[in-house]
Amino acid sequence: GSEMCIRDRKNQAADVDAKGLPRLAFVFVQKLTTRLWLLTLWTLVVWGGRVRNILSDPVLSTPEQAWRLGLASFFVALAVIGLLVLVGWKNTHPTFAQRFAAGFSLWTMALWIVRGGGILFATHDAAFKIVHTVLALGSIGLALLVYQAERQLAASAR
């Protein structure tokens, strides 16, 4: 009787962390955080480099430059928001952080599926296609990992 109650309380206590978060959810939060760091830093490098390339390209016309800068700036902004989420908003605004991670990953996958396909079938040289295929696969892969961790966290909360 009483020994069973004590054992049950110990098992229940072992299933939550110091903040009362279920251990399984904590594992998913950690997984999501790690993966979001990777996607965020990758995005800053890829799209920050793209901004640099656009600004240093003397061949681009102003409209071409504006469109390309707009797209690159959008992803740099997502990465900056990702940094803000990771350095504090995930603690003060966990619902926003989780929804942001899902949106960030979905936008990344959508863009690279469309853009990557466009690049592969366009008349670019092989080196350009290889570099952009690597960028696309890296971005899609990291985004898929973020989305998977976000879905696992959402499912653990139900």
C-alpha atoms as a PDB file:
ATOM      1  CA  GLY A   1       0.000   0.000   0.000  1.00  0.00           C
ATOM      2  CA  SER A   2       2.064   2.912   1.306  1.00  0.00           C
ATOM      3  CA  GLU A   3       5.268   1.585  -0.269  1.00  0.00           C
ATOM      4  CA  MET A   4       3.505   1.589  -3.648  1.00  0.00           C
ATOM      5  CA  CYS A   5       2.407   5.241  -3.170  1.00  0.00           C
ATOM      6  CA  ILE A   6       5.949   6.296  -2.273  1.00  0.00           C
ATOM      7  CA  ARG A   7       7.374   4.485  -5.329  1.00  0.00           C
ATOM      8  CA  ASP A   8       4.729   6.101  -7.579  1.00  0.00           C
ATOM      9  CA  ARG A   9       5.588   9.568  -6.224  1.00  0.00           C
ATOM     10  CA  LYS A  10       9.294   8.922  -6.831  1.00  0.00           C
ATOM     11  CA  ASN A  11       8.553   7.790 -10.406  1.00  0.00           C
ATOM     12  CA  GLN A  12       6.385  10.854 -10.987  1.00  0.00           C
ATOM     13  CA  ALA A  13       9.092  13.101  -9.547  1.00  0.00           C
ATOM     14  CA  ALA A  14      11.647  11.462 -11.822  1.00  0.00           C
ATOM     15  CA  ASP A  15       9.467  12.253 -14.854  1.00  0.00           C
ATOM     16  CA  VAL A  16       9.768  16.053 -14.416  1.00  0.00           C
ATOM     17  CA  ASP A  17      12.758  18.386 -14.326  1.00  0.00           C
ATOM     18  CA  ALA A  18      13.479  21.180 -11.809  1.00  0.00           C
ATOM     19  CA  LYS A  19      11.014  23.555 -13.528  1.00  0.00           C
ATOM     20  CA  GLY A  20       8.269  20.930 -13.568  1.00  0.00           C
ATOM     21  CA  LEU A  21       8.667  20.321 -17.313  1.00  0.00           C
ATOM     22  CA  PRO A  22       8.084  16.690 -18.226  1.00  0.00           C
ATOM     23  CA  ARG A  23      11.430  15.020 -18.978  1.00  0.00           C
ATOM     24  CA  LEU A  24      10.352  13.894 -22.431  1.00  0.00           C
ATOM     25  CA  ALA A  25       9.305  17.450 -23.342  1.00  0.00           C
ATOM     26  CA  PHE A  26      12.633  18.709 -21.943  1.00  0.00           C
ATOM     27  CA  VAL A  27      14.500  16.338 -24.277  1.00  0.00           C
ATOM     28  CA  PHE A  28      12.495  17.670 -27.221  1.00  0.00           C
ATOM     29  CA  VAL A  29      13.129  21.292 -26.164  1.00  0.00           C
ATOM     30  CA  GLN A  30      16.862  20.569 -26.064  1.00  0.00           C
ATOM     31  CA  LYS A  31      16.727  18.839 -29.452  1.00  0.00           C
ATOM     32  CA  LEU A  32      14.771  21.727 -30.979  1.00  0.00           C
ATOM     33  CA  THR A  33      17.149  24.298 -29.468  1.00  0.00           C
ATOM     34  CA  THR A  34      20.259  22.560 -30.801  1.00  0.00           C
ATOM     35  CA  ARG A  35      18.796  22.135 -34.257  1.00  0.00           C
ATOM     36  CA  LEU A  36      17.490  25.698 -34.354  1.00  0.00           C
ATOM     37  CA  TRP A  37      21.002  26.969 -33.510  1.00  0.00           C
ATOM     38  CA  LEU A  38      22.393  25.011 -36.464  1.00  0.00           C
ATOM     39  CA  LEU A  39      19.724  26.239 -38.897  1.00  0.00           C
ATOM     40  CA  THR A  40      20.040  29.827 -37.673  1.00  0.00           C
ATOM     41  CA  LEU A  41      23.829  29.965 -37.993  1.00  0.00           C
ATOM     42  CA  TRP A  42      23.756  28.171 -41.355  1.00  0.00           C
ATOM     43  CA  THR A  43      21.146  30.649 -42.603  1.00  0.00           C
ATOM     44  CA  LEU A  44      23.240  33.633 -41.459  1.00  0.00           C
ATOM     45  CA  VAL A  45      26.289  32.306 -43.302  1.00  0.00           C
ATOM     46  CA  VAL A  46      24.430  31.359 -46.493  1.00  0.00           C
ATOM     47  CA  TRP A  47      22.255  34.449 -46.822  1.00  0.00           C
ATOM     48  CA  GLY A  48      24.791  36.864 -45.333  1.00  0.00           C
ATOM     49  CA  GLY A  49      27.174  35.661 -48.047  1.00  0.00           C
ATOM     50  CA  ARG A  50      24.428  36.156 -50.606  1.00  0.00           C
ATOM     51  CA  VAL A  51      23.954  39.788 -49.512  1.00  0.00           C
ATOM     52  CA  ARG A  52      27.708  40.359 -49.863  1.00  0.00           C
ATOM     53  CA  ASN A  53      27.692  38.793 -53.352  1.00  0.00           C
ATOM     54  CA  ILE A  54      24.710  40.893 -54.490  1.00  0.00           C
ATOM     55  CA  LEU A  55      26.245  44.144 -53.283  1.00  0.00           C
ATOM     56  CA  SER A  56      29.583  43.404 -54.959  1.00  0.00           C
ATOM     57  CA  ASP A  57      28.115  42.308 -58.330  1.00  0.00           C
ATOM     58  CA  PRO A  58      28.620  45.173 -60.835  1.00  0.00           C
ATOM     59  CA  VAL A  59      26.537  43.404 -63.532  1.00  0.00           C
ATOM     60  CA  LEU A  60      23.195  43.423 -61.671  1.00  0.00           C
ATOM     61  CA  SER A  61      20.718  46.166 -62.540  1.00  0.00           C
ATOM     62  CA  THR A  62      18.967  48.011 -59.717  1.00  0.00           C
ATOM     63  CA  PRO A  63      15.688  46.026 -60.022  1.00  0.00           C
ATOM     64  CA  GLU A  64      17.606  42.711 -60.109  1.00  0.00           C
ATOM     65  CA  GLN A  65      19.641  43.807 -57.120  1.00  0.00           C
ATOM     66  CA  ALA A  66      16.542  44.960 -55.200  1.00  0.00           C
ATOM     67  CA  TRP A  67      14.664  41.673 -55.714  1.00  0.00           C
ATOM     68  CA  ARG A  68      17.662  39.571 -54.723  1.00  0.00           C
ATOM     69  CA  LEU A  69      18.438  41.769 -51.709  1.00  0.00           C
ATOM     70  CA  GLY A  70      14.804  41.542 -50.597  1.00  0.00           C
ATOM     71  CA  LEU A  71      14.858  37.749 -50.605  1.00  0.00           C
ATOM     72  CA  ALA A  72      18.273  37.511 -48.945  1.00  0.00           C
ATOM     73  CA  SER A  73      17.296  40.132 -46.346  1.00  0.00           C
ATOM     74  CA  PHE A  74      14.143  38.176 -45.512  1.00  0.00           C
ATOM     75  CA  PHE A  75      16.226  35.123 -44.612  1.00  0.00           C
ATOM     76  CA  VAL A  76      18.831  37.180 -42.743  1.00  0.00           C
ATOM     77  CA  ALA A  77      15.928  38.673 -40.747  1.00  0.00           C
ATOM     78  CA  LEU A  78      14.594  35.177 -39.997  1.00  0.00           C
ATOM     79  CA  ALA A  79      18.051  34.202 -38.748  1.00  0.00           C
ATOM     80  CA  VAL A  80      18.269  37.320 -36.548  1.00  0.00           C
ATOM     81  CA  ILE A  81      14.857  36.490 -35.069  1.00  0.00           C
ATOM     82  CA  GLY A  82      16.158  32.948 -34.598  1.00  0.00           C
ATOM     83  CA  LEU A  83      19.071  34.334 -32.585  1.00  0.00           C
ATOM     84  CA  LEU A  84      16.671  36.378 -30.435  1.00  0.00           C
ATOM     85  CA  VAL A  85      14.545  33.280 -29.850  1.00  0.00           C
ATOM     86  CA  LEU A  86      17.585  31.248 -28.890  1.00  0.00           C
ATOM     87  CA  VAL A  87      19.162  33.780 -26.532  1.00  0.00           C
ATOM     88  CA  GLY A  88      16.050  34.453 -24.527  1.00  0.00           C
ATOM     89  CA  TRP A  89      12.652  34.499 -26.179  1.00  0.00           C
ATOM     90  CA  LYS A  90      12.392  30.696 -25.960  1.00  0.00           C
ATOM     91  CA  ASN A  91      12.250  31.115 -22.179  1.00  0.00           C
ATOM     92  CA  THR A  92       9.891  34.097 -22.038  1.00  0.00           C
ATOM     93  CA  HIS A  93       7.758  33.299 -25.103  1.00  0.00           C
ATOM     94  CA  PRO A  94       7.907  29.502 -25.583  1.00  0.00           C
ATOM     95  CA  THR A  95       4.793  29.295 -27.776  1.00  0.00           C
ATOM     96  CA  PHE A  96       6.131  31.965 -30.138  1.00  0.00           C
ATOM     97  CA  ALA A  97       9.529  30.261 -30.194  1.00  0.00           C
ATOM     98  CA  GLN A  98       8.006  26.924 -31.135  1.00  0.00           C
ATOM     99  CA  ARG A  99       5.782  28.431 -33.845  1.00  0.00           C
ATOM    100  CA  PHE A 100       8.682  30.491 -35.165  1.00  0.00           C
ATOM    101  CA  ALA A 101      10.844  27.350 -35.453  1.00  0.00           C
ATOM    102  CA  ALA A 102       8.120  25.626 -37.470  1.00  0.00           C
ATOM    103  CA  GLY A 103       7.607  28.634 -39.753  1.00  0.00           C
ATOM    104  CA  PHE A 104      11.326  29.263 -40.231  1.00  0.00           C
ATOM    105  CA  SER A 105      11.901  25.647 -41.186  1.00  0.00           C
ATOM    106  CA  LEU A 106       8.914  25.504 -43.567  1.00  0.00           C
ATOM    107  CA  TRP A 107       9.916  28.758 -45.340  1.00  0.00           C
ATOM    108  CA  THR A 108      13.466  27.459 -45.689  1.00  0.00           C
ATOM    109  CA  MET A 109      12.372  24.138 -47.160  1.00  0.00           C
ATOM    110  CA  ALA A 110       9.871  25.766 -49.534  1.00  0.00           C
ATOM    111  CA  LEU A 111      12.357  28.311 -50.851  1.00  0.00           C
ATOM    112  CA  TRP A 112      15.140  25.803 -51.445  1.00  0.00           C
ATOM    113  CA  ILE A 113      12.894  23.229 -53.083  1.00  0.00           C
ATOM    114  CA  VAL A 114      11.701  25.861 -55.567  1.00  0.00           C
ATOM    115  CA  ARG A 115      15.020  27.698 -55.925  1.00  0.00           C
ATOM    116  CA  GLY A 116      17.105  24.518 -56.011  1.00  0.00           C
ATOM    117  CA  GLY A 117      14.945  23.033 -58.732  1.00  0.00           C
ATOM    118  CA  GLY A 118      15.119  26.256 -60.690  1.00  0.00           C
ATOM    119  CA  ILE A 119      18.899  26.336 -60.456  1.00  0.00           C
ATOM    120  CA  LEU A 120      19.285  22.701 -61.493  1.00  0.00           C
ATOM    121  CA  PHE A 121      17.198  23.171 -64.624  1.00  0.00           C
ATOM    122  CA  ALA A 122      18.589  26.597 -65.585  1.00  0.00           C
ATOM    123  CA  THR A 123      21.582  27.195 -67.818  1.00  0.00           C
ATOM    124  CA  HIS A 124      24.228  27.560 -65.117  1.00  0.00           C
ATOM    125  CA  ASP A 125      27.641  25.938 -65.193  1.00  0.00           C
ATOM    126  CA  ALA A 126      28.235  22.693 -63.294  1.00  0.00           C
ATOM    127  CA  ALA A 127      30.199  24.311 -60.442  1.00  0.00           C
ATOM    128  CA  PHE A 128      27.367  26.782 -59.744  1.00  0.00           C
ATOM    129  CA  LYS A 129      24.836  23.937 -59.748  1.00  0.00           C
ATOM    130  CA  ILE A 130      26.952  21.822 -57.400  1.00  0.00           C
ATOM    131  CA  VAL A 131      27.502  24.660 -54.908  1.00  0.00           C
ATOM    132  CA  HIS A 132      23.817  25.564 -54.861  1.00  0.00           C
ATOM    133  CA  THR A 133      22.748  21.927 -54.600  1.00  0.00           C
ATOM    134  CA  VAL A 134      24.940  21.594 -51.504  1.00  0.00           C
ATOM    135  CA  LEU A 135      23.436  24.807 -50.073  1.00  0.00           C
ATOM    136  CA  ALA A 136      19.921  23.575 -50.868  1.00  0.00           C
ATOM    137  CA  LEU A 137      20.442  20.111 -49.381  1.00  0.00           C
ATOM    138  CA  GLY A 138      22.113  21.539 -46.260  1.00  0.00           C
ATOM    139  CA  SER A 139      19.324  24.056 -45.764  1.00  0.00           C
ATOM    140  CA  ILE A 140      16.522  21.570 -46.416  1.00  0.00           C
ATOM    141  CA  GLY A 141      18.165  18.949 -44.202  1.00  0.00           C
ATOM    142  CA  LEU A 142      18.621  21.310 -41.253  1.00  0.00           C
ATOM    143  CA  ALA A 143      15.128  22.758 -41.690  1.00  0.00           C
ATOM    144  CA  LEU A 144      13.632  19.264 -41.775  1.00  0.00           C
ATOM    145  CA  LEU A 145      15.430  18.402 -38.526  1.00  0.00           C
ATOM    146  CA  VAL A 146      14.092  21.584 -36.886  1.00  0.00           C
ATOM    147  CA  TYR A 147      10.563  20.867 -38.078  1.00  0.00           C
ATOM    148  CA  GLN A 148      10.765  17.259 -36.869  1.00  0.00           C
ATOM    149  CA  ALA A 149      11.919  18.367 -33.395  1.00  0.00           C
ATOM    150  CA  GLU A 150       9.186  21.023 -33.245  1.00  0.00           C
ATOM    151  CA  ARG A 151       6.517  18.439 -34.130  1.00  0.00           C
ATOM    152  CA  GLN A 152       7.888  16.027 -31.490  1.00  0.00           C
ATOM    153  CA  LEU A 153       7.740  18.786 -28.888  1.00  0.00           C
ATOM    154  CA  ALA A 154       4.185  19.697 -29.903  1.00  0.00           C
ATOM    155  CA  ALA A 155       3.125  16.039 -29.686  1.00  0.00           C
ATOM    156  CA  SER A 156       4.717  15.636 -26.246  1.00  0.00           C
ATOM    157  CA  ALA A 157       2.609  18.527 -24.925  1.00  0.00           C
ATOM    158  CA  ARG A 158      -0.664  16.758 -25.800  1.00  0.00           C
END
